[in-house]
Amino acid sequence: MNAPHAPSAAVTAQVTVKSAEDMRDLGRRLAALLRPGDLVLLTGELGAGKTTLTRGLGEGLGVRGAVTSPTFVIARVHPPLGGGPALVHVDAYRLSGGLDEMEDLDLDVSLPESVIVVEWGDGKVEELSEDRLHVVIERAVGADALALPEADDVRGVTVTGVGARWTGVDLSPLG
């Protein structure tokens, strides 16, 4: 019996972000690479900049409505102002289960015509698509943050494309 084959990472980009505005700008640049059907998973500590990045994505995609954290409503849909895809912004922080717990959100139905961004989605929604973009945002925490207070706004962002959709995609515009 063959073991299941996990999709391999196609491309990776690493970016240093020095301010909240730089994080929004990264989101706008990332939006230029996205198309309907894309799944984006955001990982990072509380306050790392996941929602700020998503605000930039919303601006870049040209969607309606202010992009705010969907922590208490779990998901928000931002329809497009023009001909682009809708942005479905999900916060899976309070969800303990996997995709089964998120079935009521009908993300699999929304995916083909939308860009779905899931904060705290690692280990919960990968089953939605073999093709996805993982965005990991790291910031100094604890003793590291105290030792370098000037680095408080600095973030290291790693963007990894997984699956055939991202094979050969040039992520250099992100850097």
N, C-alpha and C. Protein backbone atom coordinates (compact mmCIF):
# COMPACT_ATOMS: atom_id res chain seq x y z
N MET A 1 0.84 -1.18 0.00
CA MET A 1 0.00 0.00 0.00
C MET A 1 0.89 1.24 0.00
N ASN A 2 0.57 2.16 -0.90
CA ASN A 2 1.37 3.37 -1.03
C ASN A 2 0.95 4.41 0.00
N ALA A 3 1.92 5.11 0.53
CA ALA A 3 1.61 6.20 1.45
C ALA A 3 1.08 7.37 0.64
N PRO A 4 0.18 8.18 1.23
CA PRO A 4 -0.34 9.33 0.50
C PRO A 4 0.80 10.27 0.16
N HIS A 5 0.73 10.84 -1.00
CA HIS A 5 1.77 11.75 -1.47
C HIS A 5 1.37 13.18 -1.16
N ALA A 6 2.16 13.85 -0.35
CA ALA A 6 1.89 15.25 -0.06
C ALA A 6 2.45 16.11 -1.18
N PRO A 7 1.72 17.18 -1.56
CA PRO A 7 2.22 18.05 -2.60
C PRO A 7 3.53 18.70 -2.14
N SER A 8 4.44 18.87 -3.06
CA SER A 8 5.72 19.46 -2.70
C SER A 8 5.67 20.98 -2.84
N ALA A 9 6.55 21.64 -2.11
CA ALA A 9 6.64 23.09 -2.20
C ALA A 9 7.19 23.45 -3.57
N ALA A 10 6.50 24.35 -4.25
CA ALA A 10 6.91 24.73 -5.59
C ALA A 10 7.88 25.90 -5.56
N VAL A 11 7.54 26.92 -4.82
CA VAL A 11 8.36 28.13 -4.79
C VAL A 11 8.31 28.73 -3.40
N THR A 12 9.38 29.45 -3.05
CA THR A 12 9.44 30.14 -1.77
C THR A 12 10.06 31.51 -1.95
N ALA A 13 9.52 32.48 -1.23
CA ALA A 13 10.10 33.82 -1.19
C ALA A 13 10.18 34.25 0.26
N GLN A 14 11.24 34.97 0.60
CA GLN A 14 11.39 35.51 1.94
C GLN A 14 11.50 37.03 1.84
N VAL A 15 10.73 37.70 2.71
CA VAL A 15 10.65 39.15 2.67
C VAL A 15 10.80 39.68 4.09
N THR A 16 11.53 40.77 4.27
CA THR A 16 11.59 41.47 5.54
C THR A 16 10.68 42.68 5.45
N VAL A 17 9.76 42.78 6.41
CA VAL A 17 8.79 43.87 6.44
C VAL A 17 9.09 44.71 7.67
N LYS A 18 9.18 46.04 7.48
CA LYS A 18 9.63 46.90 8.57
C LYS A 18 8.54 47.76 9.20
N SER A 19 7.31 47.72 8.65
CA SER A 19 6.23 48.52 9.22
C SER A 19 4.89 47.93 8.80
N ALA A 20 3.83 48.41 9.46
CA ALA A 20 2.49 47.95 9.10
C ALA A 20 2.17 48.34 7.65
N GLU A 21 2.58 49.52 7.22
CA GLU A 21 2.33 49.94 5.84
C GLU A 21 3.08 49.04 4.85
N ASP A 22 4.29 48.63 5.21
CA ASP A 22 5.03 47.69 4.36
C ASP A 22 4.30 46.35 4.28
N MET A 23 3.65 45.93 5.38
CA MET A 23 2.91 44.67 5.38
C MET A 23 1.70 44.79 4.44
N ARG A 24 1.00 45.93 4.49
CA ARG A 24 -0.13 46.15 3.58
C ARG A 24 0.35 46.17 2.13
N ASP A 25 1.50 46.79 1.91
CA ASP A 25 2.05 46.83 0.56
C ASP A 25 2.40 45.43 0.07
N LEU A 26 2.94 44.60 0.95
CA LEU A 26 3.22 43.21 0.59
C LEU A 26 1.91 42.51 0.20
N GLY A 27 0.85 42.76 0.94
CA GLY A 27 -0.45 42.19 0.61
C GLY A 27 -0.92 42.63 -0.77
N ARG A 28 -0.73 43.91 -1.10
CA ARG A 28 -1.12 44.41 -2.43
C ARG A 28 -0.30 43.73 -3.52
N ARG A 29 1.00 43.54 -3.30
CA ARG A 29 1.83 42.86 -4.30
C ARG A 29 1.44 41.39 -4.43
N LEU A 30 1.13 40.76 -3.32
CA LEU A 30 0.70 39.37 -3.34
C LEU A 30 -0.62 39.22 -4.10
N ALA A 31 -1.53 40.17 -3.91
CA ALA A 31 -2.83 40.12 -4.59
C ALA A 31 -2.66 40.06 -6.11
N ALA A 32 -1.63 40.69 -6.63
CA ALA A 32 -1.39 40.69 -8.08
C ALA A 32 -1.08 39.29 -8.60
N LEU A 33 -0.64 38.39 -7.72
CA LEU A 33 -0.31 37.02 -8.11
C LEU A 33 -1.48 36.05 -7.95
N LEU A 34 -2.52 36.50 -7.25
CA LEU A 34 -3.64 35.61 -6.92
C LEU A 34 -4.71 35.62 -7.99
N ARG A 35 -5.46 34.52 -8.04
CA ARG A 35 -6.58 34.39 -8.99
C ARG A 35 -7.69 33.60 -8.31
N PRO A 36 -8.89 33.62 -8.89
CA PRO A 36 -9.99 32.86 -8.29
C PRO A 36 -9.58 31.40 -8.08
N GLY A 37 -9.95 30.87 -6.93
CA GLY A 37 -9.63 29.49 -6.60
C GLY A 37 -8.40 29.34 -5.72
N ASP A 38 -7.70 30.44 -5.47
CA ASP A 38 -6.50 30.35 -4.64
C ASP A 38 -6.85 30.31 -3.16
N LEU A 39 -6.11 29.47 -2.43
CA LEU A 39 -6.23 29.32 -0.99
C LEU A 39 -4.93 29.82 -0.38
N VAL A 40 -5.04 30.75 0.58
CA VAL A 40 -3.87 31.33 1.25
C VAL A 40 -4.01 31.06 2.75
N LEU A 41 -3.01 30.41 3.33
CA LEU A 41 -3.00 30.13 4.77
C LEU A 41 -2.01 31.08 5.43
N LEU A 42 -2.45 31.80 6.45
CA LEU A 42 -1.60 32.74 7.17
C LEU A 42 -1.29 32.20 8.56
N THR A 43 -0.01 32.18 8.91
CA THR A 43 0.44 31.70 10.20
C THR A 43 1.33 32.76 10.83
N GLY A 44 1.15 32.97 12.13
CA GLY A 44 1.99 33.91 12.87
C GLY A 44 1.41 34.14 14.26
N GLU A 45 2.26 34.62 15.14
CA GLU A 45 1.85 34.93 16.50
C GLU A 45 0.73 35.98 16.49
N LEU A 46 0.03 36.10 17.62
CA LEU A 46 -0.93 37.20 17.77
C LEU A 46 -0.19 38.51 17.54
N GLY A 47 -0.76 39.38 16.74
CA GLY A 47 -0.15 40.67 16.48
C GLY A 47 0.95 40.65 15.44
N ALA A 48 1.14 39.54 14.77
CA ALA A 48 2.22 39.44 13.78
C ALA A 48 1.94 40.24 12.52
N GLY A 49 0.66 40.42 12.17
CA GLY A 49 0.33 41.19 10.98
C GLY A 49 -0.51 40.44 9.96
N LYS A 50 -1.15 39.36 10.37
CA LYS A 50 -1.96 38.57 9.44
C LYS A 50 -3.12 39.38 8.87
N THR A 51 -3.85 40.07 9.73
CA THR A 51 -4.97 40.87 9.25
C THR A 51 -4.48 42.08 8.46
N THR A 52 -3.37 42.66 8.85
CA THR A 52 -2.81 43.79 8.09
C THR A 52 -2.43 43.35 6.68
N LEU A 53 -1.82 42.19 6.56
CA LEU A 53 -1.50 41.64 5.24
C LEU A 53 -2.79 41.43 4.43
N THR A 54 -3.83 40.92 5.09
CA THR A 54 -5.09 40.66 4.41
C THR A 54 -5.75 41.97 3.97
N ARG A 55 -5.59 43.05 4.73
CA ARG A 55 -6.09 44.36 4.29
C ARG A 55 -5.45 44.75 2.96
N GLY A 56 -4.15 44.53 2.87
CA GLY A 56 -3.45 44.82 1.61
C GLY A 56 -3.94 43.94 0.48
N LEU A 57 -4.20 42.66 0.78
CA LEU A 57 -4.76 41.77 -0.23
C LEU A 57 -6.10 42.30 -0.74
N GLY A 58 -6.95 42.73 0.20
CA GLY A 58 -8.25 43.28 -0.18
C GLY A 58 -8.12 44.51 -1.05
N GLU A 59 -7.18 45.38 -0.71
CA GLU A 59 -6.94 46.58 -1.53
C GLU A 59 -6.46 46.17 -2.92
N GLY A 60 -5.54 45.22 -2.96
CA GLY A 60 -4.99 44.79 -4.24
C GLY A 60 -6.01 44.06 -5.11
N LEU A 61 -6.92 43.33 -4.48
CA LEU A 61 -7.96 42.62 -5.22
C LEU A 61 -9.12 43.55 -5.59
N GLY A 62 -9.20 44.71 -4.95
CA GLY A 62 -10.28 45.64 -5.23
C GLY A 62 -11.62 45.15 -4.73
N VAL A 63 -11.68 44.81 -3.44
CA VAL A 63 -12.93 44.30 -2.88
C VAL A 63 -13.64 45.38 -2.06
N ARG A 64 -14.92 45.15 -1.83
CA ARG A 64 -15.75 46.09 -1.09
C ARG A 64 -15.63 45.81 0.41
N GLY A 65 -15.70 46.87 1.17
CA GLY A 65 -15.74 46.73 2.63
C GLY A 65 -14.36 46.77 3.25
N ALA A 66 -14.33 47.28 4.48
CA ALA A 66 -13.08 47.33 5.23
C ALA A 66 -12.72 45.92 5.68
N VAL A 67 -11.49 45.53 5.46
CA VAL A 67 -11.03 44.22 5.89
C VAL A 67 -10.60 44.34 7.35
N THR A 68 -11.35 43.67 8.22
CA THR A 68 -11.06 43.65 9.64
C THR A 68 -10.98 42.20 10.09
N SER A 69 -10.48 41.98 11.27
CA SER A 69 -10.33 40.62 11.76
C SER A 69 -11.69 39.96 11.91
N PRO A 70 -11.85 38.75 11.34
CA PRO A 70 -13.11 38.04 11.49
C PRO A 70 -13.14 37.11 12.71
N THR A 71 -12.36 37.42 13.74
CA THR A 71 -12.22 36.53 14.89
C THR A 71 -13.56 36.10 15.47
N PHE A 72 -14.48 37.03 15.65
CA PHE A 72 -15.72 36.70 16.34
C PHE A 72 -16.82 36.21 15.41
N VAL A 73 -16.71 36.49 14.11
CA VAL A 73 -17.71 36.01 13.15
C VAL A 73 -17.19 34.83 12.35
N ILE A 74 -15.95 34.45 12.54
CA ILE A 74 -15.24 33.36 11.88
C ILE A 74 -14.89 33.67 10.43
N ALA A 75 -15.84 34.20 9.64
CA ALA A 75 -15.55 34.48 8.23
C ALA A 75 -16.30 35.71 7.75
N ARG A 76 -15.65 36.46 6.87
CA ARG A 76 -16.26 37.61 6.21
C ARG A 76 -16.04 37.46 4.71
N VAL A 77 -17.06 37.81 3.94
CA VAL A 77 -16.94 37.79 2.49
C VAL A 77 -16.91 39.24 2.01
N HIS A 78 -15.89 39.57 1.23
CA HIS A 78 -15.74 40.90 0.64
C HIS A 78 -15.94 40.76 -0.87
N PRO A 79 -17.11 41.17 -1.39
CA PRO A 79 -17.36 41.03 -2.82
C PRO A 79 -16.44 41.97 -3.62
N PRO A 80 -16.17 41.61 -4.88
CA PRO A 80 -15.33 42.47 -5.70
C PRO A 80 -16.07 43.73 -6.12
N LEU A 81 -15.33 44.83 -6.26
CA LEU A 81 -15.91 46.06 -6.78
C LEU A 81 -15.95 46.02 -8.31
N GLY A 82 -15.06 45.24 -8.90
CA GLY A 82 -15.00 45.11 -10.35
C GLY A 82 -15.17 43.67 -10.76
N GLY A 83 -14.35 43.26 -11.72
CA GLY A 83 -14.48 41.92 -12.25
C GLY A 83 -13.61 40.87 -11.60
N GLY A 84 -12.93 41.22 -10.53
CA GLY A 84 -12.03 40.27 -9.89
C GLY A 84 -12.76 39.33 -8.94
N PRO A 85 -12.00 38.50 -8.25
CA PRO A 85 -12.61 37.54 -7.32
C PRO A 85 -13.00 38.21 -6.00
N ALA A 86 -13.96 37.59 -5.32
CA ALA A 86 -14.30 37.99 -3.95
C ALA A 86 -13.16 37.53 -3.04
N LEU A 87 -13.06 38.17 -1.89
CA LEU A 87 -12.11 37.76 -0.86
C LEU A 87 -12.92 37.18 0.30
N VAL A 88 -12.65 35.92 0.63
CA VAL A 88 -13.26 35.28 1.79
C VAL A 88 -12.17 35.23 2.85
N HIS A 89 -12.37 35.95 3.95
CA HIS A 89 -11.38 36.09 5.02
C HIS A 89 -11.87 35.31 6.23
N VAL A 90 -11.13 34.27 6.59
CA VAL A 90 -11.52 33.36 7.66
C VAL A 90 -10.50 33.43 8.79
N ASP A 91 -10.99 33.41 10.02
CA ASP A 91 -10.12 33.31 11.19
C ASP A 91 -10.45 32.00 11.89
N ALA A 92 -9.56 31.04 11.81
CA ALA A 92 -9.79 29.71 12.37
C ALA A 92 -9.22 29.57 13.78
N TYR A 93 -8.83 30.67 14.41
CA TYR A 93 -8.18 30.62 15.73
C TYR A 93 -9.01 29.88 16.76
N ARG A 94 -10.32 30.16 16.81
CA ARG A 94 -11.17 29.56 17.84
C ARG A 94 -11.69 28.18 17.45
N LEU A 95 -11.36 27.73 16.26
CA LEU A 95 -11.84 26.42 15.81
C LEU A 95 -10.80 25.37 16.15
N SER A 96 -11.22 24.34 16.85
CA SER A 96 -10.26 23.33 17.28
C SER A 96 -10.16 22.16 16.34
N GLY A 97 -11.21 21.93 15.56
CA GLY A 97 -11.22 20.79 14.66
C GLY A 97 -10.62 21.11 13.31
N GLY A 98 -10.70 20.15 12.42
CA GLY A 98 -10.19 20.34 11.08
C GLY A 98 -11.29 20.85 10.16
N LEU A 99 -11.21 20.43 8.92
CA LEU A 99 -12.13 20.87 7.90
C LEU A 99 -13.58 20.53 8.25
N ASP A 100 -13.81 19.41 8.95
CA ASP A 100 -15.17 19.02 9.32
C ASP A 100 -15.88 20.13 10.10
N GLU A 101 -15.16 20.75 11.02
CA GLU A 101 -15.74 21.80 11.84
C GLU A 101 -16.06 23.05 11.01
N MET A 102 -15.37 23.22 9.90
CA MET A 102 -15.55 24.41 9.07
C MET A 102 -16.52 24.18 7.92
N GLU A 103 -17.12 23.00 7.84
CA GLU A 103 -18.02 22.69 6.72
C GLU A 103 -19.17 23.68 6.61
N ASP A 104 -19.68 24.17 7.72
CA ASP A 104 -20.80 25.11 7.68
C ASP A 104 -20.45 26.40 6.95
N LEU A 105 -19.18 26.69 6.83
CA LEU A 105 -18.76 27.91 6.12
C LEU A 105 -18.83 27.75 4.61
N ASP A 106 -18.99 26.52 4.13
CA ASP A 106 -19.06 26.23 2.68
C ASP A 106 -17.85 26.79 1.93
N LEU A 107 -16.67 26.68 2.51
CA LEU A 107 -15.48 27.19 1.85
C LEU A 107 -15.21 26.47 0.53
N ASP A 108 -15.53 25.18 0.47
CA ASP A 108 -15.29 24.44 -0.76
C ASP A 108 -16.18 24.95 -1.89
N VAL A 109 -17.35 25.47 -1.56
CA VAL A 109 -18.24 26.05 -2.57
C VAL A 109 -17.72 27.41 -3.01
N SER A 110 -17.18 28.20 -2.08
CA SER A 110 -16.69 29.54 -2.39
C SER A 110 -15.36 29.52 -3.13
N LEU A 111 -14.57 28.48 -2.95
CA LEU A 111 -13.20 28.47 -3.46
C LEU A 111 -13.07 28.71 -4.95
N PRO A 112 -13.85 28.09 -5.83
CA PRO A 112 -13.60 28.26 -7.27
C PRO A 112 -13.68 29.70 -7.77
N GLU A 113 -14.54 30.53 -7.18
CA GLU A 113 -14.68 31.89 -7.68
C GLU A 113 -14.11 32.96 -6.75
N SER A 114 -13.47 32.55 -5.67
CA SER A 114 -12.96 33.49 -4.67
C SER A 114 -11.50 33.22 -4.37
N VAL A 115 -10.90 34.17 -3.69
CA VAL A 115 -9.62 33.96 -3.03
C VAL A 115 -9.96 33.78 -1.55
N ILE A 116 -9.57 32.65 -0.99
CA ILE A 116 -9.86 32.38 0.42
C ILE A 116 -8.58 32.52 1.22
N VAL A 117 -8.63 33.39 2.22
CA VAL A 117 -7.50 33.62 3.12
C VAL A 117 -7.91 33.13 4.50
N VAL A 118 -7.12 32.20 5.07
CA VAL A 118 -7.45 31.63 6.37
C VAL A 118 -6.32 31.92 7.35
N GLU A 119 -6.63 32.76 8.34
CA GLU A 119 -5.69 32.98 9.44
C GLU A 119 -5.78 31.78 10.37
N TRP A 120 -4.65 31.32 10.88
CA TRP A 120 -4.58 30.18 11.79
C TRP A 120 -5.10 28.91 11.12
N GLY A 121 -4.92 28.78 9.82
CA GLY A 121 -5.49 27.66 9.08
C GLY A 121 -4.62 26.42 8.99
N ASP A 122 -3.34 26.53 9.36
CA ASP A 122 -2.47 25.36 9.27
C ASP A 122 -3.04 24.19 10.05
N GLY A 123 -3.09 23.04 9.41
CA GLY A 123 -3.60 21.84 10.05
C GLY A 123 -5.11 21.77 10.10
N LYS A 124 -5.79 22.74 9.49
CA LYS A 124 -7.25 22.78 9.55
C LYS A 124 -7.93 22.78 8.18
N VAL A 125 -7.33 23.41 7.19
CA VAL A 125 -8.05 23.57 5.91
C VAL A 125 -7.24 23.14 4.69
N GLU A 126 -6.10 22.52 4.88
CA GLU A 126 -5.29 22.11 3.74
C GLU A 126 -6.04 21.20 2.78
N GLU A 127 -7.02 20.45 3.31
CA GLU A 127 -7.78 19.52 2.48
C GLU A 127 -8.63 20.23 1.44
N LEU A 128 -8.82 21.54 1.59
CA LEU A 128 -9.61 22.28 0.60
C LEU A 128 -8.97 22.26 -0.78
N SER A 129 -7.63 22.25 -0.82
CA SER A 129 -6.96 22.33 -2.11
C SER A 129 -5.54 21.79 -2.00
N GLU A 130 -5.13 21.02 -3.01
CA GLU A 130 -3.74 20.58 -3.06
C GLU A 130 -2.83 21.75 -3.39
N ASP A 131 -3.39 22.78 -3.99
CA ASP A 131 -2.63 23.98 -4.36
C ASP A 131 -2.97 25.08 -3.37
N ARG A 132 -1.95 25.58 -2.70
CA ARG A 132 -2.19 26.63 -1.72
C ARG A 132 -0.91 27.43 -1.49
N LEU A 133 -1.10 28.58 -0.90
CA LEU A 133 0.01 29.45 -0.56
C LEU A 133 0.08 29.54 0.95
N HIS A 134 1.24 29.19 1.50
CA HIS A 134 1.46 29.31 2.95
C HIS A 134 2.27 30.58 3.19
N VAL A 135 1.75 31.43 4.07
CA VAL A 135 2.45 32.66 4.43
C VAL A 135 2.71 32.60 5.93
N VAL A 136 3.98 32.57 6.30
CA VAL A 136 4.37 32.52 7.70
C VAL A 136 5.00 33.86 8.06
N ILE A 137 4.44 34.50 9.09
CA ILE A 137 4.93 35.80 9.54
C ILE A 137 5.56 35.61 10.91
N GLU A 138 6.83 35.97 11.02
CA GLU A 138 7.54 35.83 12.28
C GLU A 138 7.94 37.20 12.81
N ARG A 139 7.83 37.34 14.11
CA ARG A 139 8.26 38.58 14.77
C ARG A 139 8.95 38.21 16.07
N ALA A 140 9.73 39.14 16.57
CA ALA A 140 10.41 38.90 17.84
C ALA A 140 9.37 38.83 18.96
N VAL A 141 9.50 37.84 19.82
CA VAL A 141 8.59 37.69 20.95
C VAL A 141 9.41 37.45 22.21
N GLY A 142 8.80 37.68 23.36
CA GLY A 142 9.44 37.40 24.64
C GLY A 142 10.74 38.15 24.84
N ALA A 143 11.77 37.44 25.26
CA ALA A 143 13.07 38.03 25.56
C ALA A 143 13.69 38.68 24.32
N ASP A 144 13.46 38.08 23.15
CA ASP A 144 13.99 38.67 21.91
C ASP A 144 13.39 40.06 21.67
N ALA A 145 12.11 40.22 21.93
CA ALA A 145 11.45 41.51 21.73
C ALA A 145 11.97 42.54 22.73
N LEU A 146 12.22 42.10 23.95
CA LEU A 146 12.73 43.02 24.97
C LEU A 146 14.16 43.44 24.67
N ALA A 147 14.95 42.56 24.10
CA ALA A 147 16.35 42.85 23.80
C ALA A 147 16.48 43.81 22.62
N LEU A 148 15.53 43.77 21.70
CA LEU A 148 15.59 44.62 20.51
C LEU A 148 14.28 45.37 20.31
N PRO A 149 13.96 46.33 21.18
CA PRO A 149 12.69 47.03 21.06
C PRO A 149 12.53 47.76 19.73
N GLU A 150 13.64 48.16 19.10
CA GLU A 150 13.56 48.84 17.80
C GLU A 150 13.10 47.90 16.69
N ALA A 151 13.17 46.60 16.96
CA ALA A 151 12.76 45.61 15.97
C ALA A 151 11.30 45.20 16.13
N ASP A 152 10.55 45.92 16.97
CA ASP A 152 9.17 45.55 17.26
C ASP A 152 8.29 45.46 16.02
N ASP A 153 8.50 46.34 15.05
CA ASP A 153 7.68 46.34 13.84
C ASP A 153 8.24 45.45 12.74
N VAL A 154 9.45 44.95 12.90
CA VAL A 154 10.09 44.15 11.86
C VAL A 154 9.52 42.73 11.86
N ARG A 155 9.18 42.27 10.66
CA ARG A 155 8.64 40.92 10.49
C ARG A 155 9.42 40.20 9.40
N GLY A 156 9.62 38.93 9.59
CA GLY A 156 10.15 38.08 8.54
C GLY A 156 8.98 37.30 7.95
N VAL A 157 8.79 37.41 6.65
CA VAL A 157 7.64 36.76 6.00
C VAL A 157 8.17 35.74 5.00
N THR A 158 7.71 34.51 5.12
CA THR A 158 8.06 33.45 4.18
C THR A 158 6.80 33.03 3.45
N VAL A 159 6.85 33.10 2.13
CA VAL A 159 5.71 32.74 1.29
C VAL A 159 6.11 31.50 0.51
N THR A 160 5.33 30.43 0.67
CA THR A 160 5.63 29.16 0.01
C THR A 160 4.43 28.70 -0.79
N GLY A 161 4.63 28.51 -2.07
CA GLY A 161 3.58 27.98 -2.93
C GLY A 161 3.66 26.47 -2.94
N VAL A 162 2.53 25.80 -2.73
CA VAL A 162 2.46 24.35 -2.69
C VAL A 162 1.52 23.87 -3.79
N GLY A 163 1.96 22.89 -4.55
CA GLY A 163 1.12 22.29 -5.58
C GLY A 163 1.40 22.82 -6.97
N ALA A 164 0.75 22.19 -7.94
CA ALA A 164 0.99 22.50 -9.36
C ALA A 164 0.66 23.94 -9.70
N ARG A 165 -0.33 24.53 -9.06
CA ARG A 165 -0.71 25.92 -9.35
C ARG A 165 0.47 26.87 -9.19
N TRP A 166 1.34 26.59 -8.24
CA TRP A 166 2.43 27.51 -7.92
C TRP A 166 3.75 27.12 -8.57
N THR A 167 3.80 25.97 -9.24
CA THR A 167 5.03 25.56 -9.92
C THR A 167 5.38 26.59 -10.99
N GLY A 168 6.56 27.14 -10.90
CA GLY A 168 7.03 28.10 -11.89
C GLY A 168 6.54 29.52 -11.70
N VAL A 169 5.72 29.78 -10.67
CA VAL A 169 5.25 31.14 -10.42
C VAL A 169 6.41 31.94 -9.83
N ASP A 170 6.65 33.11 -10.38
CA ASP A 170 7.73 33.97 -9.92
C ASP A 170 7.26 34.80 -8.73
N LEU A 171 7.77 34.49 -7.56
CA LEU A 171 7.41 35.24 -6.35
C LEU A 171 8.34 36.42 -6.10
N SER A 172 9.29 36.67 -6.99
CA SER A 172 10.25 37.76 -6.77
C SER A 172 9.60 39.14 -6.65
N PRO A 173 8.42 39.41 -7.27
CA PRO A 173 7.81 40.72 -7.04
C PRO A 173 7.43 40.99 -5.59
N LEU A 174 7.40 39.95 -4.77
CA LEU A 174 7.08 40.14 -3.36
C LEU A 174 8.22 40.75 -2.58
N GLY A 175 9.44 40.52 -3.04
CA GLY A 175 10.63 40.94 -2.30
C GLY A 175 11.07 42.31 -2.50
